[in-house]
Amino acid sequence: MNKKMMLAAAIFAAAAMGGPAAAQPGQCSVTGWGIFDCDVVVDGGGFSFGLPDGAMLAFTLTEPDVGLAFLLPSNSEPGQRPRPQGEFQPAKGKPGCWTNGDGFEFCAMVLEEQGT
């Protein structure tokens, strides 16, 4: 089997349909962290993935090309509120990436298994 990267835009097609959460292996990037392996969890109208330090980034669509992102610290306690990162739009020229316009950007791609 070979692996082909699939852009996060496809994640949103599945997320918009709702359904149970499903983790998929992929690659992510976040400003300040670079590119790293991650498990992307698609759920309802958004997705989430873990950062290398154990924190979690969660994103939810509020409109077709607009969404909100939140960071949950690695040392979060039950009931603790996530830190809002603001409103995000698709990053121009970077499929699968979202930006808040203030220099903070994240990207998520999932791996698709294909038989040969």
N, C-alpha and C. Protein backbone atom coordinates (compact mmCIF):
# COMPACT_ATOMS: atom_id res chain seq x y z
N MET A 1 0.83 -1.18 0.00
CA MET A 1 0.00 0.00 0.00
C MET A 1 0.87 1.23 0.00
N ASN A 2 0.42 2.25 -0.72
CA ASN A 2 1.13 3.51 -0.64
C ASN A 2 0.24 4.53 0.06
N LYS A 3 0.86 5.57 0.56
CA LYS A 3 0.10 6.58 1.30
C LYS A 3 0.09 7.85 0.49
N LYS A 4 -1.05 8.46 0.41
CA LYS A 4 -1.20 9.71 -0.32
C LYS A 4 -1.76 10.76 0.63
N MET A 5 -1.13 11.92 0.65
CA MET A 5 -1.64 12.98 1.51
C MET A 5 -2.93 13.53 0.94
N MET A 6 -3.89 13.72 1.81
CA MET A 6 -5.18 14.28 1.41
C MET A 6 -5.36 15.59 2.17
N LEU A 7 -5.75 16.64 1.50
CA LEU A 7 -5.85 17.95 2.14
C LEU A 7 -6.99 18.02 3.13
N ALA A 8 -6.83 18.91 4.10
CA ALA A 8 -7.82 19.05 5.16
C ALA A 8 -9.16 19.52 4.65
N ALA A 9 -9.21 20.10 3.47
CA ALA A 9 -10.50 20.52 2.94
C ALA A 9 -11.45 19.33 2.88
N ALA A 10 -10.92 18.15 2.60
CA ALA A 10 -11.75 16.95 2.56
C ALA A 10 -12.25 16.60 3.95
N ILE A 11 -11.50 16.97 4.98
CA ILE A 11 -11.94 16.74 6.35
C ILE A 11 -13.26 17.46 6.58
N PHE A 12 -13.36 18.67 6.04
CA PHE A 12 -14.56 19.46 6.29
C PHE A 12 -15.78 18.88 5.61
N ALA A 13 -15.62 18.23 4.49
CA ALA A 13 -16.76 17.59 3.84
C ALA A 13 -17.31 16.52 4.77
N ALA A 14 -16.44 15.73 5.36
CA ALA A 14 -16.87 14.70 6.30
C ALA A 14 -17.39 15.31 7.59
N ALA A 15 -16.74 16.36 8.07
CA ALA A 15 -17.15 16.99 9.32
C ALA A 15 -18.52 17.62 9.20
N ALA A 16 -18.80 18.22 8.04
CA ALA A 16 -20.07 18.89 7.86
C ALA A 16 -21.23 17.90 7.89
N MET A 17 -20.96 16.65 7.57
CA MET A 17 -22.00 15.63 7.59
C MET A 17 -22.30 15.13 8.99
N GLY A 18 -21.45 15.49 9.94
CA GLY A 18 -21.65 15.04 11.32
C GLY A 18 -21.21 13.60 11.48
N GLY A 19 -21.75 12.93 12.45
CA GLY A 19 -21.38 11.55 12.69
C GLY A 19 -20.40 11.43 13.82
N PRO A 20 -20.04 10.21 14.16
CA PRO A 20 -19.13 9.99 15.29
C PRO A 20 -17.71 10.45 14.99
N ALA A 21 -16.99 10.77 16.03
CA ALA A 21 -15.60 11.19 15.90
C ALA A 21 -14.76 10.03 15.38
N ALA A 22 -13.82 10.35 14.52
CA ALA A 22 -12.93 9.34 13.97
C ALA A 22 -11.53 9.91 13.86
N ALA A 23 -10.54 9.29 14.49
CA ALA A 23 -9.16 9.75 14.41
C ALA A 23 -8.50 9.16 13.18
N GLN A 24 -7.77 10.01 12.47
CA GLN A 24 -7.05 9.59 11.28
C GLN A 24 -5.61 10.08 11.37
N PRO A 25 -4.64 9.22 11.07
CA PRO A 25 -3.24 9.68 11.12
C PRO A 25 -2.97 10.71 10.03
N GLY A 26 -2.13 11.67 10.37
CA GLY A 26 -1.82 12.70 9.39
C GLY A 26 -0.61 13.51 9.79
N GLN A 27 -0.50 14.67 9.17
CA GLN A 27 0.54 15.64 9.51
C GLN A 27 -0.12 16.97 9.76
N CYS A 28 0.37 17.68 10.77
CA CYS A 28 -0.18 18.97 11.14
C CYS A 28 0.96 19.97 11.26
N SER A 29 0.61 21.23 11.25
CA SER A 29 1.58 22.28 11.56
C SER A 29 0.84 23.40 12.27
N VAL A 30 1.56 24.06 13.15
CA VAL A 30 1.04 25.19 13.91
C VAL A 30 2.17 26.19 14.04
N THR A 31 1.85 27.46 13.93
CA THR A 31 2.86 28.50 14.08
C THR A 31 3.67 28.24 15.36
N GLY A 32 4.98 28.20 15.21
CA GLY A 32 5.87 27.97 16.35
C GLY A 32 6.25 26.51 16.54
N TRP A 33 5.56 25.60 15.89
CA TRP A 33 5.85 24.17 16.05
C TRP A 33 6.39 23.51 14.79
N GLY A 34 6.17 24.09 13.63
CA GLY A 34 6.58 23.44 12.39
C GLY A 34 5.64 22.29 12.06
N ILE A 35 6.13 21.34 11.25
CA ILE A 35 5.32 20.19 10.82
C ILE A 35 5.59 19.00 11.74
N PHE A 36 4.53 18.29 12.12
CA PHE A 36 4.66 17.13 13.00
C PHE A 36 3.57 16.11 12.69
N ASP A 37 3.85 14.84 13.01
CA ASP A 37 2.84 13.80 12.86
C ASP A 37 1.75 14.02 13.90
N CYS A 38 0.50 13.73 13.53
CA CYS A 38 -0.61 13.94 14.45
C CYS A 38 -1.75 12.98 14.10
N ASP A 39 -2.67 12.85 15.01
CA ASP A 39 -3.93 12.15 14.76
C ASP A 39 -5.00 13.22 14.70
N VAL A 40 -5.67 13.32 13.55
CA VAL A 40 -6.71 14.32 13.36
C VAL A 40 -8.05 13.67 13.68
N VAL A 41 -8.77 14.25 14.64
CA VAL A 41 -10.09 13.74 15.02
C VAL A 41 -11.15 14.64 14.40
N VAL A 42 -11.95 14.05 13.52
CA VAL A 42 -13.03 14.77 12.85
C VAL A 42 -14.31 14.48 13.59
N ASP A 43 -15.04 15.55 13.94
CA ASP A 43 -16.26 15.36 14.73
C ASP A 43 -17.24 16.49 14.49
N GLY A 44 -18.41 16.18 14.02
CA GLY A 44 -19.45 17.21 13.87
C GLY A 44 -19.08 18.25 12.85
N GLY A 45 -18.82 19.47 13.22
CA GLY A 45 -18.49 20.54 12.30
C GLY A 45 -17.07 21.01 12.43
N GLY A 46 -16.16 20.14 12.84
CA GLY A 46 -14.78 20.58 12.99
C GLY A 46 -13.83 19.42 13.19
N PHE A 47 -12.65 19.75 13.73
CA PHE A 47 -11.64 18.73 13.97
C PHE A 47 -10.72 19.19 15.10
N SER A 48 -9.92 18.27 15.60
CA SER A 48 -8.93 18.59 16.62
C SER A 48 -7.71 17.72 16.42
N PHE A 49 -6.58 18.16 16.99
CA PHE A 49 -5.36 17.36 16.96
C PHE A 49 -4.46 17.80 18.10
N GLY A 50 -3.60 16.89 18.53
CA GLY A 50 -2.67 17.16 19.61
C GLY A 50 -1.41 17.84 19.12
N LEU A 51 -0.87 18.71 19.95
CA LEU A 51 0.40 19.38 19.68
C LEU A 51 1.53 18.58 20.31
N PRO A 52 2.76 18.79 19.87
CA PRO A 52 3.89 18.03 20.42
C PRO A 52 4.06 18.13 21.93
N ASP A 53 3.60 19.23 22.55
CA ASP A 53 3.75 19.37 24.00
C ASP A 53 2.58 18.78 24.79
N GLY A 54 1.64 18.12 24.10
CA GLY A 54 0.50 17.51 24.76
C GLY A 54 -0.75 18.38 24.79
N ALA A 55 -0.64 19.63 24.38
CA ALA A 55 -1.82 20.50 24.28
C ALA A 55 -2.68 20.02 23.10
N MET A 56 -3.88 20.55 23.00
CA MET A 56 -4.80 20.16 21.93
C MET A 56 -5.30 21.42 21.23
N LEU A 57 -5.35 21.39 19.89
CA LEU A 57 -5.95 22.45 19.12
C LEU A 57 -7.28 21.93 18.61
N ALA A 58 -8.35 22.67 18.85
CA ALA A 58 -9.68 22.31 18.38
C ALA A 58 -10.19 23.41 17.47
N PHE A 59 -10.85 23.02 16.38
CA PHE A 59 -11.35 23.97 15.40
C PHE A 59 -12.77 23.59 15.03
N THR A 60 -13.63 24.57 14.93
CA THR A 60 -15.00 24.32 14.51
C THR A 60 -15.42 25.35 13.48
N LEU A 61 -16.10 24.90 12.44
CA LEU A 61 -16.62 25.81 11.43
C LEU A 61 -17.84 26.53 11.97
N THR A 62 -17.91 27.84 11.71
CA THR A 62 -19.10 28.60 12.07
C THR A 62 -19.86 29.03 10.82
N GLU A 63 -19.15 29.08 9.71
CA GLU A 63 -19.69 29.37 8.38
C GLU A 63 -18.83 28.58 7.40
N PRO A 64 -19.23 28.49 6.12
CA PRO A 64 -18.44 27.67 5.18
C PRO A 64 -16.95 27.99 5.14
N ASP A 65 -16.54 29.25 5.20
CA ASP A 65 -15.12 29.61 5.14
C ASP A 65 -14.66 30.38 6.37
N VAL A 66 -15.29 30.14 7.51
CA VAL A 66 -14.94 30.82 8.76
C VAL A 66 -15.08 29.83 9.90
N GLY A 67 -14.14 29.89 10.83
CA GLY A 67 -14.22 29.00 11.98
C GLY A 67 -13.52 29.59 13.20
N LEU A 68 -13.72 28.95 14.33
CA LEU A 68 -13.10 29.35 15.58
C LEU A 68 -12.13 28.28 16.04
N ALA A 69 -10.98 28.70 16.56
CA ALA A 69 -9.98 27.75 17.07
C ALA A 69 -9.78 27.99 18.57
N PHE A 70 -9.45 26.90 19.26
CA PHE A 70 -9.23 26.94 20.71
C PHE A 70 -8.02 26.09 21.04
N LEU A 71 -7.25 26.49 22.04
CA LEU A 71 -6.14 25.69 22.55
C LEU A 71 -6.49 25.20 23.94
N LEU A 72 -6.29 23.92 24.16
CA LEU A 72 -6.48 23.33 25.48
C LEU A 72 -5.11 22.92 25.98
N PRO A 73 -4.60 23.57 27.04
CA PRO A 73 -3.26 23.26 27.55
C PRO A 73 -3.13 21.79 27.96
N SER A 74 -1.92 21.28 27.92
CA SER A 74 -1.68 19.87 28.27
C SER A 74 -2.01 19.58 29.73
N ASN A 75 -1.97 20.59 30.57
CA ASN A 75 -2.25 20.39 31.99
C ASN A 75 -3.69 20.79 32.36
N SER A 76 -4.59 20.77 31.37
CA SER A 76 -5.99 21.15 31.62
C SER A 76 -6.65 20.22 32.63
N GLU A 77 -7.51 20.81 33.41
CA GLU A 77 -8.31 20.07 34.39
C GLU A 77 -9.73 19.93 33.85
N PRO A 78 -10.46 18.90 34.26
CA PRO A 78 -11.86 18.78 33.83
C PRO A 78 -12.63 20.07 34.15
N GLY A 79 -13.39 20.53 33.18
CA GLY A 79 -14.18 21.74 33.35
C GLY A 79 -13.44 23.03 33.04
N GLN A 80 -12.12 22.94 32.82
CA GLN A 80 -11.34 24.14 32.49
C GLN A 80 -11.69 24.60 31.09
N ARG A 81 -11.85 25.89 30.92
CA ARG A 81 -12.19 26.44 29.61
C ARG A 81 -10.96 26.49 28.70
N PRO A 82 -11.16 26.19 27.42
CA PRO A 82 -10.04 26.31 26.47
C PRO A 82 -9.73 27.78 26.21
N ARG A 83 -8.53 28.05 25.69
CA ARG A 83 -8.13 29.42 25.36
C ARG A 83 -8.55 29.73 23.93
N PRO A 84 -9.47 30.68 23.73
CA PRO A 84 -9.89 31.04 22.37
C PRO A 84 -8.73 31.65 21.58
N GLN A 85 -8.61 31.25 20.33
CA GLN A 85 -7.57 31.78 19.45
C GLN A 85 -8.16 32.71 18.40
N GLY A 86 -9.47 32.88 18.41
CA GLY A 86 -10.11 33.81 17.49
C GLY A 86 -10.69 33.15 16.26
N GLU A 87 -11.09 34.01 15.35
CA GLU A 87 -11.73 33.59 14.10
C GLU A 87 -10.67 33.31 13.03
N PHE A 88 -10.87 32.26 12.28
CA PHE A 88 -9.91 31.84 11.25
C PHE A 88 -10.60 31.72 9.90
N GLN A 89 -9.83 32.02 8.85
CA GLN A 89 -10.26 31.84 7.47
C GLN A 89 -9.23 30.97 6.76
N PRO A 90 -9.61 30.36 5.62
CA PRO A 90 -8.62 29.58 4.87
C PRO A 90 -7.42 30.45 4.50
N ALA A 91 -6.22 29.90 4.64
CA ALA A 91 -4.99 30.62 4.27
C ALA A 91 -4.86 30.59 2.75
N LYS A 92 -4.72 31.74 2.14
CA LYS A 92 -4.64 31.83 0.68
C LYS A 92 -3.42 31.10 0.16
N GLY A 93 -3.65 30.25 -0.84
CA GLY A 93 -2.56 29.51 -1.48
C GLY A 93 -2.03 28.36 -0.66
N LYS A 94 -2.69 28.02 0.46
CA LYS A 94 -2.25 26.93 1.32
C LYS A 94 -3.45 26.04 1.67
N PRO A 95 -3.80 25.14 0.75
CA PRO A 95 -4.94 24.26 1.02
C PRO A 95 -4.76 23.48 2.33
N GLY A 96 -5.82 23.41 3.11
CA GLY A 96 -5.77 22.69 4.38
C GLY A 96 -5.26 23.53 5.54
N CYS A 97 -4.95 24.81 5.28
CA CYS A 97 -4.42 25.70 6.32
C CYS A 97 -5.39 26.82 6.61
N TRP A 98 -5.37 27.26 7.88
CA TRP A 98 -6.26 28.31 8.36
C TRP A 98 -5.43 29.37 9.07
N THR A 99 -5.82 30.64 8.92
CA THR A 99 -5.08 31.74 9.52
C THR A 99 -6.04 32.72 10.19
N ASN A 100 -5.55 33.38 11.25
CA ASN A 100 -6.37 34.38 11.93
C ASN A 100 -6.03 35.79 11.46
N GLY A 101 -5.10 35.93 10.53
CA GLY A 101 -4.72 37.24 10.03
C GLY A 101 -3.72 37.98 10.91
N ASP A 102 -3.40 37.42 12.07
CA ASP A 102 -2.44 38.03 12.99
C ASP A 102 -1.14 37.23 13.07
N GLY A 103 -0.88 36.39 12.09
CA GLY A 103 0.34 35.62 12.07
C GLY A 103 0.23 34.23 12.67
N PHE A 104 -0.93 33.85 13.18
CA PHE A 104 -1.12 32.50 13.73
C PHE A 104 -1.82 31.65 12.68
N GLU A 105 -1.23 30.51 12.37
CA GLU A 105 -1.74 29.64 11.31
C GLU A 105 -1.60 28.19 11.73
N PHE A 106 -2.53 27.36 11.30
CA PHE A 106 -2.40 25.92 11.51
C PHE A 106 -2.88 25.20 10.26
N CYS A 107 -2.36 23.99 10.08
CA CYS A 107 -2.72 23.15 8.94
C CYS A 107 -2.93 21.73 9.43
N ALA A 108 -3.81 21.01 8.77
CA ALA A 108 -4.04 19.61 9.12
C ALA A 108 -4.29 18.83 7.83
N MET A 109 -3.55 17.74 7.64
CA MET A 109 -3.74 16.85 6.50
C MET A 109 -3.83 15.44 7.04
N VAL A 110 -4.68 14.63 6.43
CA VAL A 110 -4.79 13.24 6.84
C VAL A 110 -4.20 12.36 5.77
N LEU A 111 -3.74 11.18 6.19
CA LEU A 111 -3.17 10.21 5.26
C LEU A 111 -4.29 9.31 4.79
N GLU A 112 -4.31 9.05 3.50
CA GLU A 112 -5.29 8.15 2.93
C GLU A 112 -4.56 6.92 2.44
N GLU A 113 -5.00 5.77 2.88
CA GLU A 113 -4.42 4.51 2.42
C GLU A 113 -5.03 4.14 1.08
N GLN A 114 -4.19 3.76 0.14
CA GLN A 114 -4.66 3.32 -1.15
C GLN A 114 -3.94 2.04 -1.53
N GLY A 115 -4.69 1.09 -2.03
CA GLY A 115 -4.09 -0.15 -2.51
C GLY A 115 -3.40 0.07 -3.84
N THR A 116 -2.40 -0.73 -4.12
CA THR A 116 -1.71 -0.59 -5.41
C THR A 116 -1.96 -1.80 -6.26
